C-alpha atoms as a PDB file:
ATOM      1  CA  UNK A   1      66.930 111.450 112.441  1.00  0.00           C
ATOM      2  CA  UNK A   2      70.368 111.340 114.092  1.00  0.00           C
ATOM      3  CA  UNK A   3      69.299 108.318 116.185  1.00  0.00           C
ATOM      4  CA  UNK A   4      68.499 106.471 112.987  1.00  0.00           C
ATOM      5  CA  UNK A   5      71.956 107.263 111.630  1.00  0.00           C
ATOM      6  CA  UNK A   6      73.625 106.046 114.818  1.00  0.00           C
ATOM      7  CA  UNK A   7      71.664 102.806 114.698  1.00  0.00           C
ATOM      8  CA  UNK A   8      72.484 102.355 111.012  1.00  0.00           C
ATOM      9  CA  UNK A   9      76.184 102.903 111.678  1.00  0.00           C
ATOM     10  CA  UNK A  10      76.124 100.408 114.542  1.00  0.00           C
ATOM     11  CA  UNK A  11      74.369  97.815 112.410  1.00  0.00           C
ATOM     12  CA  UNK A  12      76.862  98.353 109.585  1.00  0.00           C
ATOM     13  CA  UNK A  13      79.754  97.919 111.978  1.00  0.00           C
ATOM     14  CA  UNK A  14      78.312  94.712 113.421  1.00  0.00           C
ATOM     15  CA  UNK A  15      77.657  93.344 109.941  1.00  0.00           C
ATOM     16  CA  UNK A  16      81.144  94.184 108.680  1.00  0.00           C
ATOM     17  CA  UNK A  17      82.788  92.768 111.804  1.00  0.00           C
ATOM     18  CA  UNK A  18      80.826  89.551 111.529  1.00  0.00           C
ATOM     19  CA  UNK A  19      81.548  89.160 107.822  1.00  0.00           C
ATOM     20  CA  UNK A  20      85.286  89.801 108.014  1.00  0.00           C
ATOM     21  CA  UNK A  21      87.388  87.162 109.675  1.00  0.00           C
ATOM     22  CA  UNK A  22      90.981  87.771 110.668  1.00  0.00           C
ATOM     23  CA  UNK A  23      93.489  86.900 107.938  1.00  0.00           C
ATOM     24  CA  UNK A  24      94.862  83.377 108.051  1.00  0.00           C
ATOM     25  CA  UNK A  25      98.452  82.625 108.984  1.00  0.00           C
ATOM     26  CA  UNK A  26      98.917  79.990 106.279  1.00  0.00           C
ATOM     27  CA  UNK A  27     102.571  80.209 105.210  1.00  0.00           C
ATOM     28  CA  UNK A  28     104.983  77.539 106.439  1.00  0.00           C
ATOM     29  CA  UNK A  29     107.325  78.875 109.130  1.00  0.00           C
ATOM     30  CA  UNK A  30     109.863  76.193 108.250  1.00  0.00           C
ATOM     31  CA  UNK A  31     109.912  76.801 104.524  1.00  0.00           C
ATOM     32  CA  UNK A  32     109.456  80.595 104.480  1.00  0.00           C
ATOM     33  CA  UNK A  33     110.338  81.988 107.926  1.00  0.00           C
ATOM     34  CA  UNK A  34     110.448  85.638 106.848  1.00  0.00           C
ATOM     35  CA  UNK A  35     107.199  85.553 104.885  1.00  0.00           C
ATOM     36  CA  UNK A  36     105.496  83.673 107.720  1.00  0.00           C
ATOM     37  CA  UNK A  37     106.744  86.250 110.222  1.00  0.00           C
ATOM     38  CA  UNK A  38     105.411  89.089 108.055  1.00  0.00           C
ATOM     39  CA  UNK A  39     102.072  87.317 107.863  1.00  0.00           C
ATOM     40  CA  UNK A  40     101.897  86.914 111.651  1.00  0.00           C
ATOM     41  CA  UNK A  41     102.656  90.617 112.131  1.00  0.00           C
ATOM     42  CA  UNK A  42      99.959  91.526 109.630  1.00  0.00           C
ATOM     43  CA  UNK A  43      97.460  89.386 111.540  1.00  0.00           C
ATOM     44  CA  UNK A  44      98.488  91.044 114.810  1.00  0.00           C
ATOM     45  CA  UNK A  45      97.936  94.471 113.260  1.00  0.00           C
ATOM     46  CA  UNK A  46      94.484  93.353 112.091  1.00  0.00           C
ATOM     47  CA  UNK A  47      93.620  92.189 115.613  1.00  0.00           C
ATOM     48  CA  UNK A  48      94.745  95.536 117.089  1.00  0.00           C
ATOM     49  CA  UNK A  49      92.480  97.380 114.661  1.00  0.00           C
ATOM     50  CA  UNK A  50      89.540  95.200 115.745  1.00  0.00           C
ATOM     51  CA  UNK A  51      90.352  96.056 119.373  1.00  0.00           C
ATOM     52  CA  UNK A  52      90.481  99.767 118.514  1.00  0.00           C
ATOM     53  CA  UNK A  53      87.093  99.550 116.810  1.00  0.00           C
ATOM     54  CA  UNK A  54      85.583  97.866 119.857  1.00  0.00           C
ATOM     55  CA  UNK A  55      87.167 100.314 122.283  1.00  0.00           C
ATOM     56  CA  UNK A  56      85.905 103.308 120.335  1.00  0.00           C
ATOM     57  CA  UNK A  57      82.506 101.724 119.651  1.00  0.00           C
ATOM     58  CA  UNK A  58      82.336 103.022 116.096  1.00  0.00           C
ATOM     59  CA  UNK A  59      83.985 102.472 112.742  1.00  0.00           C
ATOM     60  CA  UNK A  60      86.591 105.266 112.958  1.00  0.00           C
ATOM     61  CA  UNK A  61      85.271 106.959 109.839  1.00  0.00           C
ATOM     62  CA  UNK A  62      85.616 103.819 107.732  1.00  0.00           C
ATOM     63  CA  UNK A  63      89.402 104.010 107.927  1.00  0.00           C
ATOM     64  CA  UNK A  64      89.763 101.075 110.304  1.00  0.00           C
ATOM     65  CA  UNK A  65      87.690  98.852 108.018  1.00  0.00           C
ATOM     66  CA  UNK A  66      89.768  99.917 104.999  1.00  0.00           C
ATOM     67  CA  UNK A  67      92.963  99.125 106.930  1.00  0.00           C
ATOM     68  CA  UNK A  68      91.603  95.666 107.785  1.00  0.00           C
ATOM     69  CA  UNK A  69      90.798  95.045 104.120  1.00  0.00           C
ATOM     70  CA  UNK A  70      94.308  96.080 103.118  1.00  0.00           C
ATOM     71  CA  UNK A  71      95.869  93.799 105.743  1.00  0.00           C
ATOM     72  CA  UNK A  72      93.757  90.925 104.422  1.00  0.00           C
ATOM     73  CA  UNK A  73      95.115  91.714 100.954  1.00  0.00           C
ATOM     74  CA  UNK A  74      98.662  91.770 102.378  1.00  0.00           C
ATOM     75  CA  UNK A  75      98.181  88.275 103.776  1.00  0.00           C
ATOM     76  CA  UNK A  76      96.865  86.955 100.449  1.00  0.00           C
ATOM     77  CA  UNK A  77      99.873  88.483  98.641  1.00  0.00           C
ATOM     78  CA  UNK A  78     102.282  86.952 101.143  1.00  0.00           C
ATOM     79  CA  UNK A  79     100.679  83.540 100.587  1.00  0.00           C
ATOM     80  CA  UNK A  80     100.994  84.051  96.816  1.00  0.00           C
ATOM     81  CA  UNK A  81     104.672  84.976  97.240  1.00  0.00           C
ATOM     82  CA  UNK A  82     105.307  81.774  99.172  1.00  0.00           C
ATOM     83  CA  UNK A  83     103.476  79.724  96.538  1.00  0.00           C
ATOM     84  CA  UNK A  84     105.521  81.375  93.772  1.00  0.00           C
ATOM     85  CA  UNK A  85     108.701  80.512  95.643  1.00  0.00           C
ATOM     86  CA  UNK A  86     107.509  76.936  96.057  1.00  0.00           C
ATOM     87  CA  UNK A  87     106.762  76.680  92.329  1.00  0.00           C
ATOM     88  CA  UNK A  88     110.334  77.732  91.572  1.00  0.00           C
ATOM     89  CA  UNK A  89     111.723  75.052  93.866  1.00  0.00           C
ATOM     90  CA  UNK A  90     112.774  77.335  96.698  1.00  0.00           C
END
């Protein structure tokens, strides 16, 4: 029974890793240098979490995946902040 659980966990990890792409760095560095820098750092953090998952060969209790989801949300919010600034002529 425990072998089945290990296999299921491995398959879930592979599926979640394949489905989730790293967040996009899509804010203009020229127009919004601070927001773009924050977005790059968020992407770097995401990549480090992926490396930790691979090094540990398991999902770290689901916490690593949750952190990746939150960093993806951070990047979307940063993009929205830049778009809001653009809409206000900044």
